[in-house]
C-alpha atoms as a PDB file:
ATOM      1  CA  MET A   1     125.734  74.802 114.351  1.00  0.00           C
ATOM      2  CA  LYS A   2     125.675  76.970 111.212  1.00  0.00           C
ATOM      3  CA  VAL A   3     122.325  78.644 110.353  1.00  0.00           C
ATOM      4  CA  ILE A   4     120.955  80.898 107.694  1.00  0.00           C
ATOM      5  CA  PHE A   5     118.950  83.799 109.092  1.00  0.00           C
ATOM      6  CA  LEU A   6     115.619  84.272 107.441  1.00  0.00           C
ATOM      7  CA  LYS A   7     114.729  87.486 109.355  1.00  0.00           C
ATOM      8  CA  ASN A   8     116.585  90.077 111.427  1.00  0.00           C
ATOM      9  CA  VAL A   9     117.359  88.991 114.953  1.00  0.00           C
ATOM     10  CA  LYS A  10     118.221  91.959 117.106  1.00  0.00           C
ATOM     11  CA  GLY A  11     121.778  91.768 118.475  1.00  0.00           C
ATOM     12  CA  VAL A  12     122.511  88.446 116.684  1.00  0.00           C
ATOM     13  CA  ALA A  13     122.338  88.687 112.864  1.00  0.00           C
ATOM     14  CA  ASN A  14     120.582  90.333 109.960  1.00  0.00           C
ATOM     15  CA  GLU A  15     118.519  88.661 107.367  1.00  0.00           C
ATOM     16  CA  GLY A  16     120.539  86.592 104.972  1.00  0.00           C
ATOM     17  CA  ASP A  17     123.542  86.169 107.287  1.00  0.00           C
ATOM     18  CA  VAL A  18     125.157  82.753 107.833  1.00  0.00           C
ATOM     19  CA  LYS A  19     126.424  82.317 111.385  1.00  0.00           C
ATOM     20  CA  ASP A  20     127.450  79.730 113.915  1.00  0.00           C
ATOM     21  CA  VAL A  21     125.189  79.574 116.885  1.00  0.00           C
ATOM     22  CA  LYS A  22     124.725  77.212 119.781  1.00  0.00           C
ATOM     23  CA  GLU A  23     122.743  74.104 118.821  1.00  0.00           C
ATOM     24  CA  GLY A  24     120.174  74.628 121.596  1.00  0.00           C
ATOM     25  CA  TYR A  25     119.505  78.204 120.590  1.00  0.00           C
ATOM     26  CA  ALA A  26     119.102  77.189 116.998  1.00  0.00           C
ATOM     27  CA  LYS A  27     116.683  74.238 117.678  1.00  0.00           C
ATOM     28  CA  ASN A  28     114.787  75.659 120.597  1.00  0.00           C
ATOM     29  CA  PHE A  29     114.366  79.260 119.441  1.00  0.00           C
ATOM     30  CA  LEU A  30     115.495  80.141 115.885  1.00  0.00           C
ATOM     31  CA  PHE A  31     114.005  77.083 114.052  1.00  0.00           C
ATOM     32  CA  LYS A  32     110.687  77.165 116.048  1.00  0.00           C
ATOM     33  CA  GLN A  33     110.223  80.863 115.447  1.00  0.00           C
ATOM     34  CA  LYS A  34     111.098  80.319 111.738  1.00  0.00           C
ATOM     35  CA  LEU A  35     113.888  82.944 112.075  1.00  0.00           C
ATOM     36  CA  ALA A  36     116.550  80.616 110.555  1.00  0.00           C
ATOM     37  CA  LEU A  37     117.272  77.440 108.663  1.00  0.00           C
ATOM     38  CA  GLU A  38     120.007  74.893 109.167  1.00  0.00           C
ATOM     39  CA  ALA A  39     122.914  75.619 106.810  1.00  0.00           C
ATOM     40  CA  THR A  40     122.837  72.372 104.897  1.00  0.00           C
ATOM     41  CA  PRO A  41     124.433  72.176 101.454  1.00  0.00           C
ATOM     42  CA  ALA A  42     121.062  72.339  99.750  1.00  0.00           C
ATOM     43  CA  ASN A  43     119.850  75.268 101.847  1.00  0.00           C
ATOM     44  CA  MET A  44     123.188  77.024 101.209  1.00  0.00           C
ATOM     45  CA  LYS A  45     122.715  76.655  97.376  1.00  0.00           C
ATOM     46  CA  ALA A  46     119.196  77.962  97.579  1.00  0.00           C
ATOM     47  CA  HIS A  47     120.324  80.878  99.709  1.00  0.00           C
ATOM     48  CA  GLU A  48     123.172  81.799  97.317  1.00  0.00           C
ATOM     49  CA  GLU A  49     120.744  81.701  94.404  1.00  0.00           C
ATOM     50  CA  LYS A  50     118.301  83.917  96.303  1.00  0.00           C
ATOM     51  CA  LEU A  51     121.171  86.392  97.044  1.00  0.00           C
ATOM     52  CA  GLU A  52     122.066  86.515  93.367  1.00  0.00           C
ATOM     53  CA  SER A  53     118.447  87.297  92.295  1.00  0.00           C
ATOM     54  CA  LEU A  54     118.228  89.963  95.010  1.00  0.00           C
ATOM     55  CA  LYS A  55     121.410  91.541  93.795  1.00  0.00           C
ATOM     56  CA  GLU A  56     120.017  91.718  90.244  1.00  0.00           C
ATOM     57  CA  GLN A  57     116.829  93.261  91.543  1.00  0.00           C
ATOM     58  CA  GLU A  58     118.819  95.688  93.490  1.00  0.00           C
ATOM     59  CA  LYS A  59     120.787  96.678  90.378  1.00  0.00           C
ATOM     60  CA  LEU A  60     117.482  97.236  88.455  1.00  0.00           C
ATOM     61  CA  LYS A  61     116.022  99.439  91.186  1.00  0.00           C
ATOM     62  CA  ILE A  62     119.145 101.551  91.307  1.00  0.00           C
ATOM     63  CA  ALA A  63     119.036 102.015  87.523  1.00  0.00           C
ATOM     64  CA  GLU A  64     115.468 102.992  87.687  1.00  0.00           C
ATOM     65  CA  ALA A  65     116.175 105.456  90.510  1.00  0.00           C
ATOM     66  CA  LYS A  66     119.043 106.990  88.542  1.00  0.00           C
ATOM     67  CA  ALA A  67     116.799 107.484  85.534  1.00  0.00           C
ATOM     68  CA  LEU A  68     114.157 109.157  87.727  1.00  0.00           C
ATOM     69  CA  ALA A  69     116.905 111.393  89.196  1.00  0.00           C
ATOM     70  CA  GLU A  70     117.778 112.636  85.769  1.00  0.00           C
ATOM     71  CA  LYS A  71     114.121 113.414  84.949  1.00  0.00           C
ATOM     72  CA  LEU A  72     113.883 115.382  88.269  1.00  0.00           C
ATOM     73  CA  LYS A  73     116.929 117.436  87.445  1.00  0.00           C
ATOM     74  CA  ALA A  74     115.423 118.475  84.162  1.00  0.00           C
ATOM     75  CA  ALA A  75     112.001 119.064  85.645  1.00  0.00           C
ATOM     76  CA  LYS A  76     110.765 122.433  86.798  1.00  0.00           C
ATOM     77  CA  ILE A  77     107.591 122.845  88.857  1.00  0.00           C
ATOM     78  CA  GLU A  78     105.821 126.182  89.001  1.00  0.00           C
ATOM     79  CA  PHE A  79     103.234 127.396  91.491  1.00  0.00           C
ATOM     80  CA  ASN A  80     101.122 130.548  91.438  1.00  0.00           C
ATOM     81  CA  GLN A  81     100.391 131.576  95.016  1.00  0.00           C
ATOM     82  CA  LYS A  82      98.861 134.628  96.616  1.00  0.00           C
ATOM     83  CA  ALA A  83     101.516 136.669  98.471  1.00  0.00           C
ATOM     84  CA  GLY A  84     101.903 139.992 100.305  1.00  0.00           C
ATOM     85  CA  ASP A  85     104.038 142.894  99.162  1.00  0.00           C
ATOM     86  CA  THR A  86     107.155 141.368 100.717  1.00  0.00           C
ATOM     87  CA  GLY A  87     106.870 138.134  98.719  1.00  0.00           C
ATOM     88  CA  ARG A  88     105.805 136.108 101.715  1.00  0.00           C
ATOM     89  CA  LEU A  89     103.037 133.607 100.710  1.00  0.00           C
ATOM     90  CA  TYR A  90      99.661 133.698 102.464  1.00  0.00           C
ATOM     91  CA  GLY A  91      99.697 129.870 102.314  1.00  0.00           C
ATOM     92  CA  ALA A  92     102.657 127.469 101.903  1.00  0.00           C
ATOM     93  CA  VAL A  93     103.898 124.954  99.374  1.00  0.00           C
ATOM     94  CA  THR A  94     104.214 121.522 100.996  1.00  0.00           C
ATOM     95  CA  SER A  95     105.874 118.291  99.857  1.00  0.00           C
ATOM     96  CA  GLN A  96     102.344 116.970  99.161  1.00  0.00           C
ATOM     97  CA  GLU A  97     101.608 119.779  96.658  1.00  0.00           C
ATOM     98  CA  ILE A  98     105.025 119.200  95.014  1.00  0.00           C
ATOM     99  CA  SER A  99     104.269 115.524  94.731  1.00  0.00           C
ATOM    100  CA  ASP A 100     100.818 116.199  93.212  1.00  0.00           C
ATOM    101  CA  ALA A 101     102.273 118.624  90.735  1.00  0.00           C
ATOM    102  CA  LEU A 102     104.878 116.043  89.644  1.00  0.00           C
ATOM    103  CA  ALA A 103     102.241 113.382  89.323  1.00  0.00           C
ATOM    104  CA  LYS A 104     100.314 115.672  86.836  1.00  0.00           C
ATOM    105  CA  ILE A 105     103.385 115.522  84.580  1.00  0.00           C
ATOM    106  CA  GLY A 106     103.826 111.767  84.953  1.00  0.00           C
ATOM    107  CA  ILE A 107     106.566 111.559  87.644  1.00  0.00           C
ATOM    108  CA  HIS A 108     105.159 109.792  90.710  1.00  0.00           C
ATOM    109  CA  ILE A 109     107.165 110.335  93.896  1.00  0.00           C
ATOM    110  CA  ASP A 110     105.975 109.819  97.426  1.00  0.00           C
ATOM    111  CA  LYS A 111     105.877 113.010  99.486  1.00  0.00           C
ATOM    112  CA  LYS A 112     108.045 111.434 102.127  1.00  0.00           C
ATOM    113  CA  LEU A 113     110.991 111.360  99.802  1.00  0.00           C
ATOM    114  CA  PHE A 114     111.264 115.175  99.574  1.00  0.00           C
ATOM    115  CA  ASP A 115     113.823 116.603 101.983  1.00  0.00           C
ATOM    116  CA  ILE A 116     111.888 119.633 103.029  1.00  0.00           C
ATOM    117  CA  LYS A 117     112.200 120.641 106.705  1.00  0.00           C
ATOM    118  CA  GLU A 118     109.435 123.294 106.636  1.00  0.00           C
ATOM    119  CA  PRO A 119     106.851 124.166 103.922  1.00  0.00           C
ATOM    120  CA  ILE A 120     108.074 126.790 101.454  1.00  0.00           C
ATOM    121  CA  LYS A 121     106.601 130.177 102.428  1.00  0.00           C
ATOM    122  CA  GLU A 122     108.635 132.584 100.173  1.00  0.00           C
ATOM    123  CA  ALA A 123     108.110 133.439  96.532  1.00  0.00           C
ATOM    124  CA  GLY A 124     111.034 132.715  94.203  1.00  0.00           C
ATOM    125  CA  THR A 125     113.124 129.847  92.925  1.00  0.00           C
ATOM    126  CA  HIS A 126     113.825 126.996  95.399  1.00  0.00           C
ATOM    127  CA  THR A 127     115.850 123.832  95.110  1.00  0.00           C
ATOM    128  CA  VAL A 128     114.285 120.789  96.826  1.00  0.00           C
ATOM    129  CA  LYS A 129     116.397 117.717  97.527  1.00  0.00           C
ATOM    130  CA  VAL A 130     114.802 114.360  96.811  1.00  0.00           C
ATOM    131  CA  ASN A 131     116.031 111.089  98.391  1.00  0.00           C
ATOM    132  CA  ILE A 132     114.876 108.612  95.642  1.00  0.00           C
ATOM    133  CA  TYR A 133     116.447 105.328  96.740  1.00  0.00           C
ATOM    134  CA  LYS A 134     119.275 104.592  99.183  1.00  0.00           C
ATOM    135  CA  GLU A 135     122.263 106.368  97.766  1.00  0.00           C
ATOM    136  CA  VAL A 136     120.417 107.910  94.766  1.00  0.00           C
ATOM    137  CA  LYS A 137     119.493 111.542  95.350  1.00  0.00           C
ATOM    138  CA  SER A 138     118.452 114.276  93.032  1.00  0.00           C
ATOM    139  CA  GLN A 139     117.388 117.993  93.087  1.00  0.00           C
ATOM    140  CA  LEU A 140     114.101 119.561  91.839  1.00  0.00           C
ATOM    141  CA  THR A 141     113.566 123.148  90.914  1.00  0.00           C
ATOM    142  CA  VAL A 142     110.465 124.715  92.348  1.00  0.00           C
ATOM    143  CA  VAL A 143     109.469 128.168  91.178  1.00  0.00           C
ATOM    144  CA  ILE A 144     106.785 129.998  93.178  1.00  0.00           C
ATOM    145  CA  ASN A 145     105.317 133.055  91.517  1.00  0.00           C
ATOM    146  CA  ALA A 146     103.761 135.585  93.704  1.00  0.00           C
ATOM    147  CA  ILE A 147     100.212 136.846  92.824  1.00  0.00           C
ATOM    148  CA  ASN A 148      99.069 140.106  94.418  1.00  0.00           C
END
């Protein structure tokens, strides 16, 4: 029996997949748990329309992410931090602080999207990688000025 999966079923199929499964499995488990629908012509047509709209939404999200990536490449964030004679900061610049500084200039990015393994503890110019959306990535220049 052909079914359209509405949710991910571990080891069987992902959401949106159309697969053949045994009739008993479909009726007794997949349909009762609302994990799948029978692949009737009407359901298949609705499924294809849904896939098309999802593809269009995905294209829009990627376009928005690319525009944001260009803004980030052009942006430059500066911090003035107290530091010792060697340029080592007394505190550290974290992804949260970078996110807050970007929000002040109108660019809102979640702190989890910054690819920073450890907080920045040295004065100078640093390049921070940002994973904006799936395959869309960018870089941001962060300048930390040492104040004695």
